[in-house]
Amino acid sequence: MNEQPPADVALALAELRRLVEVGFEKTSGQTALILQRLDHVDGRHAELAEQVKKDRDAAEARHMVLENRLDAVEREAVTSAQLADRTRQIIAIVGLMVTIAGAVIALISLTKG
């Protein structure tokens, strides 16, 4: 009852088995290559993420320095309204000094005359 398959069928089965094994090996090799490439991509992604973090931190630091400089300039800056007030004060003081000088000269000339 245990009959041997014909030689053609056995040969065809052996050929099919070889093709399946070769196909599995190719698939296994391609899978290994894909996994290797994914590992490389993951590593590159980690490097780029670290670089982005460093760049972001550096940009944030530069931003804070510029903000501090701007705050200092804003505290020390003179506005045009302040400049106009100072100019009016100087003109008033000079006018008062000229008036006092004129009065002093008039008094001197009255006392000599």
PDB file of N, CA and C in Angstrom:
ATOM      1  N   MET A   1       0.798  -1.173   0.000  1.00  0.00           N
ATOM      2  CA  MET A   1       0.000   0.000   0.000  1.00  0.00           C
ATOM      3  C   MET A   1       0.856   1.258   0.000  1.00  0.00           C
ATOM      4  N   ASN A   2       2.046   1.066   0.424  1.00  0.00           N
ATOM      5  CA  ASN A   2       2.966   2.181   0.469  1.00  0.00           C
ATOM      6  C   ASN A   2       3.707   2.221  -0.850  1.00  0.00           C
ATOM      7  N   GLU A   3       3.160   2.931  -1.775  1.00  0.00           N
ATOM      8  CA  GLU A   3       3.754   2.956  -3.110  1.00  0.00           C
ATOM      9  C   GLU A   3       4.682   4.144  -3.250  1.00  0.00           C
ATOM     10  N   GLN A   4       5.729   3.971  -3.974  1.00  0.00           N
ATOM     11  CA  GLN A   4       6.673   5.038  -4.282  1.00  0.00           C
ATOM     12  C   GLN A   4       6.074   5.891  -5.394  1.00  0.00           C
ATOM     13  N   PRO A   5       6.198   7.254  -5.267  1.00  0.00           N
ATOM     14  CA  PRO A   5       5.689   8.088  -6.347  1.00  0.00           C
ATOM     15  C   PRO A   5       6.566   7.910  -7.576  1.00  0.00           C
ATOM     16  N   PRO A   6       6.026   8.150  -8.731  1.00  0.00           N
ATOM     17  CA  PRO A   6       6.822   8.009  -9.941  1.00  0.00           C
ATOM     18  C   PRO A   6       8.022   8.966  -9.890  1.00  0.00           C
ATOM     19  N   ALA A   7       9.046   8.657 -10.627  1.00  0.00           N
ATOM     20  CA  ALA A   7      10.287   9.433 -10.610  1.00  0.00           C
ATOM     21  C   ALA A   7      10.061  10.868 -11.070  1.00  0.00           C
ATOM     22  N   ASP A   8       9.179  11.070 -12.030  1.00  0.00           N
ATOM     23  CA  ASP A   8       8.915  12.428 -12.510  1.00  0.00           C
ATOM     24  C   ASP A   8       8.289  13.288 -11.406  1.00  0.00           C
ATOM     25  N   VAL A   9       7.377  12.696 -10.653  1.00  0.00           N
ATOM     26  CA  VAL A   9       6.722  13.438  -9.563  1.00  0.00           C
ATOM     27  C   VAL A   9       7.743  13.728  -8.469  1.00  0.00           C
ATOM     28  N   ALA A  10       8.575  12.772  -8.141  1.00  0.00           N
ATOM     29  CA  ALA A  10       9.592  12.967  -7.108  1.00  0.00           C
ATOM     30  C   ALA A  10      10.580  14.049  -7.536  1.00  0.00           C
ATOM     31  N   LEU A  11      10.956  14.020  -8.803  1.00  0.00           N
ATOM     32  CA  LEU A  11      11.873  15.028  -9.326  1.00  0.00           C
ATOM     33  C   LEU A  11      11.223  16.415  -9.309  1.00  0.00           C
ATOM     34  N   ALA A  12       9.951  16.486  -9.664  1.00  0.00           N
ATOM     35  CA  ALA A  12       9.223  17.749  -9.657  1.00  0.00           C
ATOM     36  C   ALA A  12       9.081  18.280  -8.233  1.00  0.00           C
ATOM     37  N   LEU A  13       8.819  17.371  -7.286  1.00  0.00           N
ATOM     38  CA  LEU A  13       8.707  17.785  -5.891  1.00  0.00           C
ATOM     39  C   LEU A  13      10.058  18.280  -5.356  1.00  0.00           C
ATOM     40  N   ALA A  14      11.123  17.608  -5.723  1.00  0.00           N
ATOM     41  CA  ALA A  14      12.459  18.035  -5.291  1.00  0.00           C
ATOM     42  C   ALA A  14      12.780  19.414  -5.872  1.00  0.00           C
ATOM     43  N   GLU A  15      12.446  19.614  -7.140  1.00  0.00           N
ATOM     44  CA  GLU A  15      12.675  20.911  -7.783  1.00  0.00           C
ATOM     45  C   GLU A  15      11.829  21.993  -7.104  1.00  0.00           C
ATOM     46  N   LEU A  16      10.589  21.683  -6.794  1.00  0.00           N
ATOM     47  CA  LEU A  16       9.707  22.627  -6.113  1.00  0.00           C
ATOM     48  C   LEU A  16      10.252  22.962  -4.725  1.00  0.00           C
ATOM     49  N   ARG A  17      10.727  21.940  -4.026  1.00  0.00           N
ATOM     50  CA  ARG A  17      11.297  22.150  -2.701  1.00  0.00           C
ATOM     51  C   ARG A  17      12.523  23.077  -2.802  1.00  0.00           C
ATOM     52  N   ARG A  18      13.381  22.836  -3.780  1.00  0.00           N
ATOM     53  CA  ARG A  18      14.574  23.670  -3.969  1.00  0.00           C
ATOM     54  C   ARG A  18      14.171  25.106  -4.270  1.00  0.00           C
ATOM     55  N   LEU A  19      13.183  25.287  -5.141  1.00  0.00           N
ATOM     56  CA  LEU A  19      12.722  26.641  -5.471  1.00  0.00           C
ATOM     57  C   LEU A  19      12.144  27.350  -4.252  1.00  0.00           C
ATOM     58  N   VAL A  20      11.390  26.624  -3.446  1.00  0.00           N
ATOM     59  CA  VAL A  20      10.805  27.219  -2.235  1.00  0.00           C
ATOM     60  C   VAL A  20      11.915  27.604  -1.263  1.00  0.00           C
ATOM     61  N   GLU A  21      12.917  26.732  -1.091  1.00  0.00           N
ATOM     62  CA  GLU A  21      14.029  27.031  -0.183  1.00  0.00           C
ATOM     63  C   GLU A  21      14.817  28.247  -0.677  1.00  0.00           C
ATOM     64  N   VAL A  22      15.076  28.321  -1.971  1.00  0.00           N
ATOM     65  CA  VAL A  22      15.788  29.468  -2.540  1.00  0.00           C
ATOM     66  C   VAL A  22      14.963  30.740  -2.343  1.00  0.00           C
ATOM     67  N   GLY A  23      13.663  30.632  -2.573  1.00  0.00           N
ATOM     68  CA  GLY A  23      12.779  31.780  -2.374  1.00  0.00           C
ATOM     69  C   GLY A  23      12.783  32.246  -0.931  1.00  0.00           C
ATOM     70  N   PHE A  24      12.743  31.296   0.011  1.00  0.00           N
ATOM     71  CA  PHE A  24      12.798  31.662   1.424  1.00  0.00           C
ATOM     72  C   PHE A  24      14.127  32.323   1.778  1.00  0.00           C
ATOM     73  N   GLU A  25      15.215  31.814   1.230  1.00  0.00           N
ATOM     74  CA  GLU A  25      16.528  32.408   1.489  1.00  0.00           C
ATOM     75  C   GLU A  25      16.605  33.826   0.924  1.00  0.00           C
ATOM     76  N   LYS A  26      16.064  34.026  -0.281  1.00  0.00           N
ATOM     77  CA  LYS A  26      16.045  35.376  -0.865  1.00  0.00           C
ATOM     78  C   LYS A  26      15.222  36.314   0.010  1.00  0.00           C
ATOM     79  N   THR A  27      14.064  35.836   0.414  1.00  0.00           N
ATOM     80  CA  THR A  27      13.184  36.634   1.261  1.00  0.00           C
ATOM     81  C   THR A  27      13.861  36.949   2.588  1.00  0.00           C
ATOM     82  N   SER A  28      14.533  35.973   3.158  1.00  0.00           N
ATOM     83  CA  SER A  28      15.248  36.168   4.416  1.00  0.00           C
ATOM     84  C   SER A  28      16.365  37.196   4.237  1.00  0.00           C
ATOM     85  N   GLY A  29      17.102  37.114   3.140  1.00  0.00           N
ATOM     86  CA  GLY A  29      18.177  38.082   2.867  1.00  0.00           C
ATOM     87  C   GLY A  29      17.637  39.479   2.664  1.00  0.00           C
ATOM     88  N   GLN A  30      16.541  39.578   1.930  1.00  0.00           N
ATOM     89  CA  GLN A  30      15.945  40.898   1.709  1.00  0.00           C
ATOM     90  C   GLN A  30      15.398  41.480   3.009  1.00  0.00           C
ATOM     91  N   THR A  31      14.822  40.623   3.832  1.00  0.00           N
ATOM     92  CA  THR A  31      14.314  41.075   5.128  1.00  0.00           C
ATOM     93  C   THR A  31      15.459  41.574   6.004  1.00  0.00           C
ATOM     94  N   ALA A  32      16.571  40.839   6.000  1.00  0.00           N
ATOM     95  CA  ALA A  32      17.737  41.271   6.786  1.00  0.00           C
ATOM     96  C   ALA A  32      18.260  42.610   6.278  1.00  0.00           C
ATOM     97  N   LEU A  33      18.287  42.783   4.950  1.00  0.00           N
ATOM     98  CA  LEU A  33      18.740  44.054   4.380  1.00  0.00           C
ATOM     99  C   LEU A  33      17.806  45.195   4.772  1.00  0.00           C
ATOM    100  N   ILE A  34      16.522  44.958   4.715  1.00  0.00           N
ATOM    101  CA  ILE A  34      15.537  45.981   5.103  1.00  0.00           C
ATOM    102  C   ILE A  34      15.715  46.340   6.576  1.00  0.00           C
ATOM    103  N   LEU A  35      15.909  45.330   7.428  1.00  0.00           N
ATOM    104  CA  LEU A  35      16.106  45.603   8.855  1.00  0.00           C
ATOM    105  C   LEU A  35      17.390  46.397   9.089  1.00  0.00           C
ATOM    106  N   GLN A  36      18.440  46.074   8.343  1.00  0.00           N
ATOM    107  CA  GLN A  36      19.697  46.812   8.462  1.00  0.00           C
ATOM    108  C   GLN A  36      19.494  48.270   8.040  1.00  0.00           C
ATOM    109  N   ARG A  37      18.781  48.460   6.946  1.00  0.00           N
ATOM    110  CA  ARG A  37      18.518  49.827   6.488  1.00  0.00           C
ATOM    111  C   ARG A  37      17.643  50.579   7.487  1.00  0.00           C
ATOM    112  N   LEU A  38      16.675  49.905   8.067  1.00  0.00           N
ATOM    113  CA  LEU A  38      15.831  50.551   9.084  1.00  0.00           C
ATOM    114  C   LEU A  38      16.660  50.959  10.300  1.00  0.00           C
ATOM    115  N   ASP A  39      17.599  50.115  10.710  1.00  0.00           N
ATOM    116  CA  ASP A  39      18.484  50.464  11.813  1.00  0.00           C
ATOM    117  C   ASP A  39      19.305  51.704  11.462  1.00  0.00           C
ATOM    118  N   HIS A  40      19.799  51.748  10.218  1.00  0.00           N
ATOM    119  CA  HIS A  40      20.569  52.910   9.766  1.00  0.00           C
ATOM    120  C   HIS A  40      19.691  54.165   9.770  1.00  0.00           C
ATOM    121  N   VAL A  41      18.470  54.031   9.272  1.00  0.00           N
ATOM    122  CA  VAL A  41      17.542  55.169   9.241  1.00  0.00           C
ATOM    123  C   VAL A  41      17.227  55.624  10.670  1.00  0.00           C
ATOM    124  N   ASP A  42      17.016  54.667  11.577  1.00  0.00           N
ATOM    125  CA  ASP A  42      16.749  55.025  12.978  1.00  0.00           C
ATOM    126  C   ASP A  42      17.931  55.778  13.583  1.00  0.00           C
ATOM    127  N   GLY A  43      19.141  55.299  13.298  1.00  0.00           N
ATOM    128  CA  GLY A  43      20.329  55.986  13.805  1.00  0.00           C
ATOM    129  C   GLY A  43      20.440  57.389  13.247  1.00  0.00           C
ATOM    130  N   ARG A  44      20.218  57.525  11.952  1.00  0.00           N
ATOM    131  CA  ARG A  44      20.287  58.850  11.309  1.00  0.00           C
ATOM    132  C   ARG A  44      19.204  59.776  11.861  1.00  0.00           C
ATOM    133  N   HIS A  45      18.019  59.218  12.074  1.00  0.00           N
ATOM    134  CA  HIS A  45      16.926  60.005  12.649  1.00  0.00           C
ATOM    135  C   HIS A  45      17.303  60.505  14.038  1.00  0.00           C
ATOM    136  N   ALA A  46      17.916  59.651  14.850  1.00  0.00           N
ATOM    137  CA  ALA A  46      18.335  60.054  16.193  1.00  0.00           C
ATOM    138  C   ALA A  46      19.384  61.165  16.117  1.00  0.00           C
ATOM    139  N   GLU A  47      20.335  61.042  15.176  1.00  0.00           N
ATOM    140  CA  GLU A  47      21.352  62.082  15.003  1.00  0.00           C
ATOM    141  C   GLU A  47      20.711  63.413  14.606  1.00  0.00           C
ATOM    142  N   LEU A  48      19.786  63.353  13.653  1.00  0.00           N
ATOM    143  CA  LEU A  48      19.139  64.578  13.195  1.00  0.00           C
ATOM    144  C   LEU A  48      18.274  65.195  14.289  1.00  0.00           C
ATOM    145  N   ALA A  49      17.592  64.352  15.057  1.00  0.00           N
ATOM    146  CA  ALA A  49      16.772  64.862  16.154  1.00  0.00           C
ATOM    147  C   ALA A  49      17.646  65.559  17.195  1.00  0.00           C
ATOM    148  N   GLU A  50      18.816  64.987  17.480  1.00  0.00           N
ATOM    149  CA  GLU A  50      19.749  65.603  18.426  1.00  0.00           C
ATOM    150  C   GLU A  50      20.261  66.934  17.877  1.00  0.00           C
ATOM    151  N   GLN A  51      20.570  66.968  16.584  1.00  0.00           N
ATOM    152  CA  GLN A  51      21.058  68.208  15.966  1.00  0.00           C
ATOM    153  C   GLN A  51      19.978  69.285  15.999  1.00  0.00           C
ATOM    154  N   VAL A  52      18.741  68.898  15.723  1.00  0.00           N
ATOM    155  CA  VAL A  52      17.627  69.859  15.776  1.00  0.00           C
ATOM    156  C   VAL A  52      17.474  70.397  17.192  1.00  0.00           C
ATOM    157  N   LYS A  53      17.604  69.524  18.191  1.00  0.00           N
ATOM    158  CA  LYS A  53      17.494  69.962  19.584  1.00  0.00           C
ATOM    159  C   LYS A  53      18.614  70.941  19.916  1.00  0.00           C
ATOM    160  N   LYS A  54      19.841  70.632  19.507  1.00  0.00           N
ATOM    161  CA  LYS A  54      20.965  71.536  19.764  1.00  0.00           C
ATOM    162  C   LYS A  54      20.735  72.875  19.067  1.00  0.00           C
ATOM    163  N   ASP A  55      20.303  72.829  17.801  1.00  0.00           N
ATOM    164  CA  ASP A  55      20.053  74.066  17.058  1.00  0.00           C
ATOM    165  C   ASP A  55      18.944  74.882  17.707  1.00  0.00           C
ATOM    166  N   ARG A  56      17.901  74.199  18.156  1.00  0.00           N
ATOM    167  CA  ARG A  56      16.787  74.896  18.803  1.00  0.00           C
ATOM    168  C   ARG A  56      17.246  75.537  20.105  1.00  0.00           C
ATOM    169  N   ASP A  57      18.059  74.814  20.890  1.00  0.00           N
ATOM    170  CA  ASP A  57      18.576  75.368  22.143  1.00  0.00           C
ATOM    171  C   ASP A  57      19.468  76.580  21.873  1.00  0.00           C
ATOM    172  N   ALA A  58      20.327  76.469  20.842  1.00  0.00           N
ATOM    173  CA  ALA A  58      21.207  77.587  20.502  1.00  0.00           C
ATOM    174  C   ALA A  58      20.389  78.791  20.039  1.00  0.00           C
ATOM    175  N   ALA A  59      19.368  78.550  19.238  1.00  0.00           N
ATOM    176  CA  ALA A  59      18.515  79.643  18.761  1.00  0.00           C
ATOM    177  C   ALA A  59      17.772  80.282  19.927  1.00  0.00           C
ATOM    178  N   GLU A  60      17.327  79.468  20.857  1.00  0.00           N
ATOM    179  CA  GLU A  60      16.627  79.994  22.035  1.00  0.00           C
ATOM    180  C   GLU A  60      17.579  80.850  22.877  1.00  0.00           C
ATOM    181  N   ALA A  61      18.821  80.399  23.011  1.00  0.00           N
ATOM    182  CA  ALA A  61      19.808  81.174  23.771  1.00  0.00           C
ATOM    183  C   ALA A  61      20.080  82.512  23.086  1.00  0.00           C
ATOM    184  N   ARG A  62      20.250  82.479  21.741  1.00  0.00           N
ATOM    185  CA  ARG A  62      20.463  83.734  21.007  1.00  0.00           C
ATOM    186  C   ARG A  62      19.252  84.653  21.151  1.00  0.00           C
ATOM    187  N   HIS A  63      18.078  84.072  21.118  1.00  0.00           N
ATOM    188  CA  HIS A  63      16.844  84.846  21.261  1.00  0.00           C
ATOM    189  C   HIS A  63      16.803  85.535  22.624  1.00  0.00           C
ATOM    190  N   MET A  64      17.171  84.800  23.673  1.00  0.00           N
ATOM    191  CA  MET A  64      17.153  85.384  25.013  1.00  0.00           C
ATOM    192  C   MET A  64      18.182  86.515  25.127  1.00  0.00           C
ATOM    193  N   VAL A  65      19.363  86.341  24.537  1.00  0.00           N
ATOM    194  CA  VAL A  65      20.383  87.396  24.562  1.00  0.00           C
ATOM    195  C   VAL A  65      19.852  88.644  23.856  1.00  0.00           C
ATOM    196  N   LEU A  66      19.238  88.437  22.693  1.00  0.00           N
ATOM    197  CA  LEU A  66      18.691  89.579  21.949  1.00  0.00           C
ATOM    198  C   LEU A  66      17.544  90.238  22.704  1.00  0.00           C
ATOM    199  N   GLU A  67      16.709  89.443  23.355  1.00  0.00           N
ATOM    200  CA  GLU A  67      15.613  90.011  24.158  1.00  0.00           C
ATOM    201  C   GLU A  67      16.178  90.873  25.290  1.00  0.00           C
ATOM    202  N   ASN A  68      17.225  90.368  25.959  1.00  0.00           N
ATOM    203  CA  ASN A  68      17.834  91.134  27.047  1.00  0.00           C
ATOM    204  C   ASN A  68      18.446  92.432  26.531  1.00  0.00           C
ATOM    205  N   ARG A  69      19.113  92.355  25.374  1.00  0.00           N
ATOM    206  CA  ARG A  69      19.695  93.567  24.787  1.00  0.00           C
ATOM    207  C   ARG A  69      18.601  94.570  24.418  1.00  0.00           C
ATOM    208  N   LEU A  70      17.509  94.077  23.848  1.00  0.00           N
ATOM    209  CA  LEU A  70      16.406  94.955  23.490  1.00  0.00           C
ATOM    210  C   LEU A  70      15.797  95.609  24.726  1.00  0.00           C
ATOM    211  N   ASP A  71      15.646  94.817  25.793  1.00  0.00           N
ATOM    212  CA  ASP A  71      15.121  95.390  27.039  1.00  0.00           C
ATOM    213  C   ASP A  71      16.031  96.497  27.551  1.00  0.00           C
ATOM    214  N   ALA A  72      17.342  96.272  27.485  1.00  0.00           N
ATOM    215  CA  ALA A  72      18.298  97.289  27.946  1.00  0.00           C
ATOM    216  C   ALA A  72      18.198  98.545  27.085  1.00  0.00           C
ATOM    217  N   VAL A  73      18.091  98.381  25.786  1.00  0.00           N
ATOM    218  CA  VAL A  73      17.966  99.539  24.885  1.00  0.00           C
ATOM    219  C   VAL A  73      16.676 100.284  25.162  1.00  0.00           C
ATOM    220  N   GLU A  74      15.597  99.559  25.373  1.00  0.00           N
ATOM    221  CA  GLU A  74      14.321 100.215  25.652  1.00  0.00           C
ATOM    222  C   GLU A  74      14.363 100.984  26.970  1.00  0.00           C
ATOM    223  N   ARG A  75      15.087 100.445  27.982  1.00  0.00           N
ATOM    224  CA  ARG A  75      15.188 101.152  29.265  1.00  0.00           C
ATOM    225  C   ARG A  75      16.014 102.423  29.134  1.00  0.00           C
ATOM    226  N   GLU A  76      17.051 102.387  28.285  1.00  0.00           N
ATOM    227  CA  GLU A  76      17.976 103.511  28.189  1.00  0.00           C
ATOM    228  C   GLU A  76      17.649 104.476  27.051  1.00  0.00           C
ATOM    229  N   ALA A  77      16.755 104.127  26.194  1.00  0.00           N
ATOM    230  CA  ALA A  77      16.456 104.957  25.023  1.00  0.00           C
ATOM    231  C   ALA A  77      15.691 106.208  25.428  1.00  0.00           C
ATOM    232  N   VAL A  78      15.937 107.275  24.692  1.00  0.00           N
ATOM    233  CA  VAL A  78      15.238 108.546  24.909  1.00  0.00           C
ATOM    234  C   VAL A  78      14.223 108.690  23.786  1.00  0.00           C
ATOM    235  N   THR A  79      12.967 108.885  24.154  1.00  0.00           N
ATOM    236  CA  THR A  79      11.932 109.046  23.132  1.00  0.00           C
ATOM    237  C   THR A  79      11.958 110.472  22.603  1.00  0.00           C
ATOM    238  N   SER A  80      11.317 110.677  21.490  1.00  0.00           N
ATOM    239  CA  SER A  80      11.288 112.029  20.907  1.00  0.00           C
ATOM    240  C   SER A  80      10.528 112.993  21.821  1.00  0.00           C
ATOM    241  N   ALA A  81       9.519 112.537  22.539  1.00  0.00           N
ATOM    242  CA  ALA A  81       8.789 113.401  23.473  1.00  0.00           C
ATOM    243  C   ALA A  81       9.699 113.817  24.626  1.00  0.00           C
ATOM    244  N   GLN A  82      10.494 112.862  25.137  1.00  0.00           N
ATOM    245  CA  GLN A  82      11.431 113.189  26.211  1.00  0.00           C
ATOM    246  C   GLN A  82      12.490 114.180  25.716  1.00  0.00           C
ATOM    247  N   LEU A  83      12.958 113.959  24.486  1.00  0.00           N
ATOM    248  CA  LEU A  83      13.955 114.866  23.910  1.00  0.00           C
ATOM    249  C   LEU A  83      13.379 116.272  23.739  1.00  0.00           C
ATOM    250  N   ALA A  84      12.137 116.366  23.303  1.00  0.00           N
ATOM    251  CA  ALA A  84      11.485 117.668  23.143  1.00  0.00           C
ATOM    252  C   ALA A  84      11.347 118.350  24.504  1.00  0.00           C
ATOM    253  N   ASP A  85      10.971 117.606  25.543  1.00  0.00           N
ATOM    254  CA  ASP A  85      10.854 118.183  26.895  1.00  0.00           C
ATOM    255  C   ASP A  85      12.204 118.705  27.377  1.00  0.00           C
ATOM    256  N   ARG A  86      13.250 117.913  27.158  1.00  0.00           N
ATOM    257  CA  ARG A  86      14.587 118.346  27.582  1.00  0.00           C
ATOM    258  C   ARG A  86      15.025 119.597  26.819  1.00  0.00           C
ATOM    259  N   THR A  87      14.705 119.647  25.538  1.00  0.00           N
ATOM    260  CA  THR A  87      15.061 120.827  24.735  1.00  0.00           C
ATOM    261  C   THR A  87      14.337 122.057  25.259  1.00  0.00           C
ATOM    262  N   ARG A  88      13.056 121.943  25.571  1.00  0.00           N
ATOM    263  CA  ARG A  88      12.291 123.071  26.129  1.00  0.00           C
ATOM    264  C   ARG A  88      12.878 123.516  27.466  1.00  0.00           C
ATOM    265  N   GLN A  89      13.274 122.547  28.294  1.00  0.00           N
ATOM    266  CA  GLN A  89      13.869 122.890  29.586  1.00  0.00           C
ATOM    267  C   GLN A  89      15.194 123.641  29.397  1.00  0.00           C
ATOM    268  N   ILE A  90      16.014 123.165  28.476  1.00  0.00           N
ATOM    269  CA  ILE A  90      17.297 123.832  28.222  1.00  0.00           C
ATOM    270  C   ILE A  90      17.077 125.241  27.704  1.00  0.00           C
ATOM    271  N   ILE A  91      16.131 125.408  26.784  1.00  0.00           N
ATOM    272  CA  ILE A  91      15.830 126.743  26.242  1.00  0.00           C
ATOM    273  C   ILE A  91      15.325 127.656  27.350  1.00  0.00           C
ATOM    274  N   ALA A  92      14.492 127.137  28.243  1.00  0.00           N
ATOM    275  CA  ALA A  92      13.973 127.952  29.354  1.00  0.00           C
ATOM    276  C   ALA A  92      15.099 128.356  30.288  1.00  0.00           C
ATOM    277  N   ILE A  93      16.013 127.414  30.585  1.00  0.00           N
ATOM    278  CA  ILE A  93      17.138 127.725  31.475  1.00  0.00           C
ATOM    279  C   ILE A  93      18.057 128.759  30.832  1.00  0.00           C
ATOM    280  N   VAL A  94      18.371 128.570  29.545  1.00  0.00           N
ATOM    281  CA  VAL A  94      19.227 129.535  28.845  1.00  0.00           C
ATOM    282  C   VAL A  94      18.544 130.907  28.811  1.00  0.00           C
ATOM    283  N   GLY A  95      17.256 130.929  28.535  1.00  0.00           N
ATOM    284  CA  GLY A  95      16.511 132.197  28.526  1.00  0.00           C
ATOM    285  C   GLY A  95      16.558 132.877  29.889  1.00  0.00           C
ATOM    286  N   LEU A  96      16.387 132.084  30.957  1.00  0.00           N
ATOM    287  CA  LEU A  96      16.448 132.627  32.307  1.00  0.00           C
ATOM    288  C   LEU A  96      17.849 133.164  32.604  1.00  0.00           C
ATOM    289  N   MET A  97      18.885 132.452  32.165  1.00  0.00           N
ATOM    290  CA  MET A  97      20.268 132.900  32.384  1.00  0.00           C
ATOM    291  C   MET A  97      20.540 134.205  31.622  1.00  0.00           C
ATOM    292  N   VAL A  98      20.022 134.296  30.385  1.00  0.00           N
ATOM    293  CA  VAL A  98      20.202 135.534  29.607  1.00  0.00           C
ATOM    294  C   VAL A  98      19.477 136.681  30.295  1.00  0.00           C
ATOM    295  N   THR A  99      18.294 136.441  30.810  1.00  0.00           N
ATOM    296  CA  THR A  99      17.534 137.476  31.518  1.00  0.00           C
ATOM    297  C   THR A  99      18.292 137.920  32.767  1.00  0.00           C
ATOM    298  N   ILE A 100      18.803 136.955  33.527  1.00  0.00           N
ATOM    299  CA  ILE A 100      19.556 137.299  34.740  1.00  0.00           C
ATOM    300  C   ILE A 100      20.821 138.068  34.370  1.00  0.00           C
ATOM    301  N   ALA A 101      21.515 137.599  33.306  1.00  0.00           N
ATOM    302  CA  ALA A 101      22.732 138.301  32.866  1.00  0.00           C
ATOM    303  C   ALA A 101      22.384 139.737  32.449  1.00  0.00           C
ATOM    304  N   GLY A 102      21.288 139.911  31.745  1.00  0.00           N
ATOM    305  CA  GLY A 102      20.866 141.255  31.343  1.00  0.00           C
ATOM    306  C   GLY A 102      20.566 142.126  32.542  1.00  0.00           C
ATOM    307  N   ALA A 103      19.898 141.547  33.536  1.00  0.00           N
ATOM    308  CA  ALA A 103      19.570 142.298  34.750  1.00  0.00           C
ATOM    309  C   ALA A 103      20.847 142.675  35.490  1.00  0.00           C
ATOM    310  N   VAL A 104      21.796 141.747  35.567  1.00  0.00           N
ATOM    311  CA  VAL A 104      23.062 142.025  36.250  1.00  0.00           C
ATOM    312  C   VAL A 104      23.815 143.136  35.509  1.00  0.00           C
ATOM    313  N   ILE A 105      23.847 143.083  34.199  1.00  0.00           N
ATOM    314  CA  ILE A 105      24.532 144.109  33.405  1.00  0.00           C
ATOM    315  C   ILE A 105      23.840 145.459  33.597  1.00  0.00           C
ATOM    316  N   ALA A 106      22.513 145.453  33.624  1.00  0.00           N
ATOM    317  CA  ALA A 106      21.773 146.701  33.835  1.00  0.00           C
ATOM    318  C   ALA A 106      22.066 147.284  35.200  1.00  0.00           C
ATOM    319  N   LEU A 107      22.142 146.455  36.219  1.00  0.00           N
ATOM    320  CA  LEU A 107      22.452 146.926  37.562  1.00  0.00           C
ATOM    321  C   LEU A 107      23.864 147.476  37.640  1.00  0.00           C
ATOM    322  N   ILE A 108      24.795 146.798  36.960  1.00  0.00           N
ATOM    323  CA  ILE A 108      26.180 147.267  36.961  1.00  0.00           C
ATOM    324  C   ILE A 108      26.271 148.615  36.251  1.00  0.00           C
ATOM    325  N   SER A 109      25.573 148.727  35.117  1.00  0.00           N
ATOM    326  CA  SER A 109      25.651 149.996  34.398  1.00  0.00           C
ATOM    327  C   SER A 109      24.942 151.122  35.167  1.00  0.00           C
ATOM    328  N   LEU A 110      23.925 150.854  35.939  1.00  0.00           N
ATOM    329  CA  LEU A 110      23.252 151.869  36.748  1.00  0.00           C
ATOM    330  C   LEU A 110      24.138 152.311  37.924  1.00  0.00           C
ATOM    331  N   THR A 111      24.853 151.367  38.471  1.00  0.00           N
ATOM    332  CA  THR A 111      25.684 151.709  39.626  1.00  0.00           C
ATOM    333  C   THR A 111      26.936 152.465  39.213  1.00  0.00           C
ATOM    334  N   LYS A 112      27.375 152.334  37.968  1.00  0.00           N
ATOM    335  CA  LYS A 112      28.563 153.046  37.508  1.00  0.00           C
ATOM    336  C   LYS A 112      28.184 154.422  36.962  1.00  0.00           C
ATOM    337  N   GLY A 113      27.009 154.566  36.620  1.00  0.00           N
ATOM    338  CA  GLY A 113      26.640 155.770  35.922  1.00  0.00           C
ATOM    339  C   GLY A 113      26.155 156.896  36.711  1.00  0.00           C
TER     340      GLY A 113
END
